[in-house]
Amino acid sequence: MRLIPLLLITFLLATPFAAVAADSQPPAILSIIPGQGAAGTAVVISGSGFNQDSSLFLGIDEVPVKSVTANQLRFDIPALGVGNYALYIRQIDGTATKAYTFTIVPVKPTVASLTPDSISFCAAPEERQVSIRGKNFLEGAKVLFDGAVIKGNRISSEEMTFTAPQVPGGLHQVQVRNQEETNSTAAGLLITSRPEIHGVTQGNNYVNYYELLIEGENFQQGSSLYVDGKKISGQLLPGERDRLYFNDCRRLTYQRYPYDPAAKSFQLIVVNPNGEESSKFSVTAP
């Protein structure tokens, strides 16, 4: 009679432990989305057997977990070096999942805008300062201008500055490169080289000629002036007396020999050596 109660007690005591052992299964990973990414990327791990005591590892580094349920775990890729890492989850009792290869890729910079995005060909150095706005500009990031590295200053992870070099007019490409040789997409910086006349004033007056001072921008050495269609250049042509002098990219001096002292209206056009020409500018002068 004593054996029966003892067997019952033994069975009753054994049953709860057996149930606990059945529930305490090691964790398992079924999917990792995405399977690779740059620092800061959000990753979702799906599987089973996860709990609040689950620890996530990338190689030997434990990674902070953002949220965890029995079937899902979320984390952000930490700022570790680029490369392949063994990813696994370990429980407090030491049991762990199978290790999976997880790749941390370089952080790719992004250029959102340039300020300004257009610069005059003859802009002064202080007028050629350009601000690059974007994100993921890491320490040591470089500025690329038409694919070549130029001097730039990193202000923050979202801003860099540089001085636009003296280059021909047209659309030029600006990129940011991080140390891992990852380049952003290109943004366009327009260098405007078309000449423009902003104003004309009368200068010194001599016995048989006077000067017209032409103010504007993007004038070049070798630019020509057309007066009502007649070409005036820096070289004195046979039979001509009128002459054009290049002062700098913002001023030309037209030495004019009028055939009549009475004021008359005429039109000026400046044409650069590359063929770009200004709009017509009307002048009233002798």
Protein backbone atom coordinates (compact mmCIF):
# COMPACT_ATOMS: atom_id res chain seq x y z
CA MET A 1 0.00 0.00 0.00
CA ARG A 2 2.90 2.41 0.63
CA LEU A 3 4.29 1.96 -2.91
CA ILE A 4 1.26 3.49 -4.65
CA PRO A 5 1.38 6.90 -2.98
CA LEU A 6 5.13 7.02 -3.51
CA LEU A 7 4.75 6.34 -7.24
CA LEU A 8 2.04 9.00 -7.49
CA ILE A 9 4.17 11.54 -5.69
CA THR A 10 7.11 10.71 -7.93
CA PHE A 11 4.93 11.15 -11.06
CA LEU A 12 3.40 14.40 -9.87
CA LEU A 13 6.78 15.85 -8.99
CA ALA A 14 8.30 14.83 -12.31
CA THR A 15 5.52 16.14 -14.54
CA PRO A 16 6.02 19.93 -14.04
CA PHE A 17 9.79 19.68 -14.62
CA ALA A 18 9.20 17.71 -17.81
CA ALA A 19 6.80 20.41 -19.01
CA VAL A 20 9.31 23.16 -18.20
CA ALA A 21 12.06 21.31 -20.06
CA ALA A 22 9.80 20.94 -23.07
CA ASP A 23 9.09 24.71 -23.09
CA SER A 24 12.74 25.71 -22.63
CA GLN A 25 13.84 25.17 -26.23
CA PRO A 26 16.96 26.89 -27.60
CA PRO A 27 16.33 30.01 -29.73
CA ALA A 28 16.32 29.72 -33.50
CA ILE A 29 16.73 32.31 -36.28
CA LEU A 30 14.53 31.93 -39.37
CA SER A 31 15.21 35.19 -41.21
CA ILE A 32 17.34 38.35 -41.03
CA ILE A 33 16.00 41.35 -42.99
CA PRO A 34 18.02 42.97 -44.43
CA GLY A 35 20.94 40.54 -44.54
CA GLN A 36 23.44 43.40 -44.76
CA GLY A 37 23.53 47.13 -44.24
CA ALA A 38 25.42 50.22 -43.17
CA ALA A 39 25.67 51.57 -39.63
CA GLY A 40 22.32 52.89 -38.45
CA THR A 41 20.23 50.56 -40.61
CA ALA A 42 17.28 48.93 -38.82
CA VAL A 43 17.29 45.09 -38.90
CA VAL A 44 14.50 42.63 -38.01
CA ILE A 45 15.30 39.06 -36.95
CA SER A 46 12.44 36.55 -37.02
CA GLY A 47 12.55 33.17 -35.33
CA SER A 48 11.50 31.50 -32.09
CA GLY A 49 12.52 31.17 -28.46
CA PHE A 50 13.43 34.84 -27.94
CA ASN A 51 12.80 36.59 -24.61
CA GLN A 52 13.82 39.67 -22.65
CA ASP A 53 17.05 37.96 -21.58
CA SER A 54 18.13 37.25 -25.18
CA SER A 55 21.44 38.84 -26.12
CA LEU A 56 22.43 39.67 -29.70
CA PHE A 57 26.03 39.45 -30.88
CA LEU A 58 27.92 40.57 -33.97
CA GLY A 59 31.22 38.79 -33.65
CA ILE A 60 32.43 39.41 -30.10
CA ASP A 61 30.40 42.62 -29.68
CA GLU A 62 27.05 42.55 -27.92
CA VAL A 63 24.59 44.76 -29.78
CA PRO A 64 21.81 46.72 -28.05
CA VAL A 65 18.34 45.40 -28.90
CA LYS A 66 15.51 47.86 -29.58
CA SER A 67 12.62 45.46 -29.03
CA VAL A 68 12.08 41.72 -28.55
CA THR A 69 9.15 39.30 -28.56
CA ALA A 70 9.07 35.51 -28.59
CA ASN A 71 9.31 35.52 -32.39
CA GLN A 72 10.97 38.79 -33.37
CA LEU A 73 13.96 40.90 -32.42
CA ARG A 74 14.88 44.34 -33.73
CA PHE A 75 18.18 46.25 -33.64
CA ASP A 76 20.09 49.02 -35.40
CA ILE A 77 23.45 48.19 -36.96
CA PRO A 78 26.13 49.73 -34.70
CA ALA A 79 29.14 51.73 -35.86
CA LEU A 80 31.44 48.77 -36.37
CA GLY A 81 34.05 48.39 -39.08
CA VAL A 82 33.09 47.29 -42.56
CA GLY A 83 33.20 43.51 -43.04
CA ASN A 84 31.53 40.18 -42.28
CA TYR A 85 30.40 39.30 -38.75
CA ALA A 86 28.99 36.19 -37.09
CA LEU A 87 25.45 37.09 -35.96
CA TYR A 88 23.84 34.95 -33.25
CA ILE A 89 21.51 35.18 -30.26
CA ARG A 90 22.45 33.81 -26.86
CA GLN A 91 20.17 33.14 -23.91
CA ILE A 92 20.99 33.73 -20.27
CA ASP A 93 21.45 29.97 -19.74
CA GLY A 94 24.18 29.91 -22.41
CA THR A 95 22.18 28.32 -25.22
CA ALA A 96 22.64 30.07 -28.54
CA THR A 97 21.34 30.06 -32.09
CA LYS A 98 23.30 29.01 -35.10
CA ALA A 99 25.67 31.78 -36.23
CA TYR A 100 24.86 33.52 -39.52
CA THR A 101 27.13 35.73 -41.60
CA PHE A 102 26.05 39.38 -41.50
CA THR A 103 27.80 42.01 -43.63
CA ILE A 104 28.29 45.61 -42.57
CA VAL A 105 28.75 47.72 -45.68
CA PRO A 106 30.24 51.25 -45.93
CA VAL A 107 28.02 54.19 -45.10
CA LYS A 108 27.14 55.89 -48.38
CA PRO A 109 27.04 59.69 -48.24
CA THR A 110 24.09 61.53 -49.77
CA VAL A 111 24.20 64.99 -51.34
CA ALA A 112 20.84 66.77 -51.20
CA SER A 113 21.72 70.30 -52.38
CA LEU A 114 24.42 72.84 -53.22
CA THR A 115 24.26 76.48 -52.12
CA PRO A 116 24.77 78.30 -54.39
CA ASP A 117 24.23 75.94 -57.31
CA SER A 118 25.33 78.52 -59.89
CA ILE A 119 28.50 80.67 -59.89
CA SER A 120 29.78 83.27 -62.29
CA PHE A 121 33.00 82.40 -64.13
CA CYS A 122 34.66 85.56 -62.84
CA ALA A 123 33.36 85.32 -59.27
CA ALA A 124 35.87 86.33 -56.60
CA PRO A 125 37.22 83.60 -54.25
CA GLU A 126 34.82 84.60 -51.46
CA GLU A 127 31.96 84.33 -53.96
CA ARG A 128 32.98 80.82 -54.95
CA GLN A 129 32.30 79.28 -51.54
CA VAL A 130 29.83 76.41 -51.90
CA SER A 131 27.97 74.57 -49.12
CA ILE A 132 27.08 70.91 -49.64
CA ARG A 133 24.04 69.71 -47.69
CA GLY A 134 23.23 66.04 -47.20
CA LYS A 135 23.90 63.26 -44.71
CA ASN A 136 26.40 60.58 -43.72
CA PHE A 137 29.45 62.81 -44.21
CA LEU A 138 31.91 60.90 -42.02
CA GLU A 139 35.19 62.06 -40.49
CA GLY A 140 37.75 62.26 -43.28
CA ALA A 141 35.14 62.71 -46.02
CA LYS A 142 36.43 64.35 -49.20
CA VAL A 143 34.91 66.55 -51.90
CA LEU A 144 35.11 65.39 -55.52
CA PHE A 145 34.87 67.95 -58.33
CA ASP A 146 34.40 66.34 -61.74
CA GLY A 147 35.81 63.16 -60.19
CA ALA A 148 38.99 64.73 -58.78
CA VAL A 149 39.60 65.29 -55.06
CA ILE A 150 39.74 68.96 -54.07
CA LYS A 151 40.13 70.67 -50.72
CA GLY A 152 36.96 70.66 -48.64
CA ASN A 153 35.94 71.28 -45.03
CA ARG A 154 33.65 68.98 -43.07
CA ILE A 155 31.35 71.10 -40.90
CA SER A 156 29.17 68.24 -39.66
CA SER A 157 27.76 64.90 -40.80
CA GLU A 158 25.27 66.92 -42.85
CA GLU A 159 27.39 69.75 -44.28
CA MET A 160 30.66 70.28 -46.12
CA THR A 161 32.08 73.36 -47.84
CA PHE A 162 34.57 73.97 -50.65
CA THR A 163 35.78 76.71 -52.97
CA ALA A 164 34.82 76.10 -56.58
CA PRO A 165 37.97 76.00 -58.74
CA GLN A 166 38.55 78.18 -61.79
CA VAL A 167 37.16 75.96 -64.53
CA PRO A 168 35.48 76.57 -67.89
CA GLY A 169 31.82 77.41 -67.96
CA GLY A 170 29.25 74.63 -67.97
CA LEU A 171 27.73 72.06 -65.65
CA HIS A 172 30.20 70.37 -63.29
CA GLN A 173 29.73 67.42 -60.94
CA VAL A 174 30.17 67.60 -57.17
CA GLN A 175 30.28 64.49 -54.95
CA VAL A 176 31.25 63.52 -51.40
CA ARG A 177 33.47 60.48 -50.77
CA ASN A 178 33.76 58.74 -47.41
CA GLN A 179 36.96 57.00 -46.35
CA GLU A 180 35.65 53.60 -47.45
CA GLU A 181 35.78 54.85 -51.06
CA THR A 182 32.00 55.19 -51.20
CA ASN A 183 30.80 58.11 -53.32
CA SER A 184 27.54 59.99 -53.21
CA THR A 185 25.51 60.60 -56.31
CA ALA A 186 26.58 63.72 -58.19
CA ALA A 187 25.03 67.16 -57.82
CA GLY A 188 25.40 69.77 -60.55
CA LEU A 189 27.22 73.08 -60.10
CA LEU A 190 26.72 75.48 -63.00
CA ILE A 191 29.60 77.80 -63.87
CA THR A 192 28.06 80.56 -65.98
CA SER A 193 30.46 82.03 -68.53
CA ARG A 194 28.08 83.92 -70.79
CA PRO A 195 29.06 87.62 -70.87
CA GLU A 196 26.53 90.12 -69.59
CA ILE A 197 26.49 93.92 -69.88
CA HIS A 198 25.08 95.56 -66.76
CA GLY A 199 25.76 99.19 -67.60
CA VAL A 200 27.70 101.60 -69.80
CA THR A 201 29.04 104.99 -68.71
CA GLN A 202 31.11 107.60 -70.46
CA GLY A 203 34.69 107.87 -69.25
CA ASN A 204 37.52 110.22 -70.18
CA ASN A 205 36.96 112.54 -73.09
CA TYR A 206 39.89 113.39 -75.34
CA VAL A 207 40.31 115.63 -78.38
CA ASN A 208 38.96 113.27 -81.04
CA TYR A 209 37.83 110.24 -79.06
CA TYR A 210 36.31 109.29 -75.71
CA GLU A 211 35.97 106.20 -73.59
CA LEU A 212 32.88 104.12 -72.90
CA LEU A 213 33.23 102.03 -69.74
CA ILE A 214 31.34 98.75 -70.09
CA GLU A 215 30.46 97.11 -66.76
CA GLY A 216 29.25 93.54 -66.49
CA GLU A 217 30.55 90.05 -65.87
CA ASN A 218 32.25 87.10 -67.53
CA PHE A 219 34.30 89.23 -69.92
CA GLN A 220 37.43 87.44 -71.08
CA GLN A 221 40.79 88.30 -72.53
CA GLY A 222 40.11 88.22 -76.25
CA SER A 223 36.45 89.21 -76.00
CA SER A 224 35.10 91.29 -78.90
CA LEU A 225 32.57 94.10 -78.96
CA TYR A 226 30.00 94.46 -81.70
CA VAL A 227 28.64 97.99 -82.22
CA ASP A 228 25.52 97.82 -84.37
CA GLY A 229 27.03 94.65 -85.88
CA LYS A 230 30.50 96.12 -86.44
CA LYS A 231 33.28 94.19 -84.69
CA ILE A 232 35.64 96.05 -82.36
CA SER A 233 38.51 94.02 -80.91
CA GLY A 234 41.68 94.47 -78.92
CA GLN A 235 43.71 94.51 -82.10
CA LEU A 236 43.68 97.61 -84.21
CA LEU A 237 42.41 96.63 -87.64
CA PRO A 238 43.59 98.40 -90.82
CA GLY A 239 41.53 101.50 -91.51
CA GLU A 240 39.95 101.41 -88.04
CA ARG A 241 40.60 103.57 -85.01
CA ASP A 242 38.06 102.23 -82.50
CA ARG A 243 39.57 99.76 -80.08
CA LEU A 244 38.52 97.57 -77.14
CA TYR A 245 40.62 97.16 -73.98
CA PHE A 246 40.16 94.32 -71.52
CA ASN A 247 40.43 95.58 -67.93
CA ASP A 248 39.16 92.52 -66.06
CA CYS A 249 36.29 90.09 -66.21
CA ARG A 250 33.86 92.81 -65.09
CA ARG A 251 35.02 95.79 -67.14
CA LEU A 252 35.88 96.61 -70.73
CA THR A 253 36.94 100.00 -72.09
CA TYR A 254 35.71 100.94 -75.53
CA GLN A 255 37.87 103.66 -77.14
CA ARG A 256 35.43 105.31 -79.53
CA TYR A 257 36.20 107.81 -82.31
CA PRO A 258 32.85 109.37 -83.20
CA TYR A 259 32.33 110.79 -86.67
CA ASP A 260 29.67 113.12 -85.33
CA PRO A 261 29.59 114.85 -81.90
CA ALA A 262 25.80 114.59 -81.77
CA ALA A 263 24.40 111.85 -79.53
CA LYS A 264 22.92 108.84 -81.27
CA SER A 265 21.58 105.44 -80.19
CA PHE A 266 23.47 102.23 -80.93
CA GLN A 267 23.57 98.69 -79.59
CA LEU A 268 26.46 96.82 -78.00
CA ILE A 269 27.04 93.07 -77.80
CA VAL A 270 30.05 91.42 -76.13
CA VAL A 271 31.18 88.11 -77.63
CA ASN A 272 33.64 85.83 -75.80
CA PRO A 273 36.28 83.75 -77.61
CA ASN A 274 34.14 80.61 -77.17
CA GLY A 275 31.27 82.24 -79.09
CA GLU A 276 29.02 83.03 -76.12
CA GLU A 277 27.49 86.46 -76.52
CA SER A 278 25.70 88.89 -74.27
CA SER A 279 22.24 90.31 -74.76
CA LYS A 280 21.99 93.54 -76.71
CA PHE A 281 22.55 96.69 -74.67
CA SER A 282 21.33 100.04 -76.00
CA VAL A 283 23.49 103.14 -75.52
CA THR A 284 22.97 106.80 -76.40
CA ALA A 285 26.26 108.64 -76.90
CA PRO A 286 28.21 110.50 -79.60
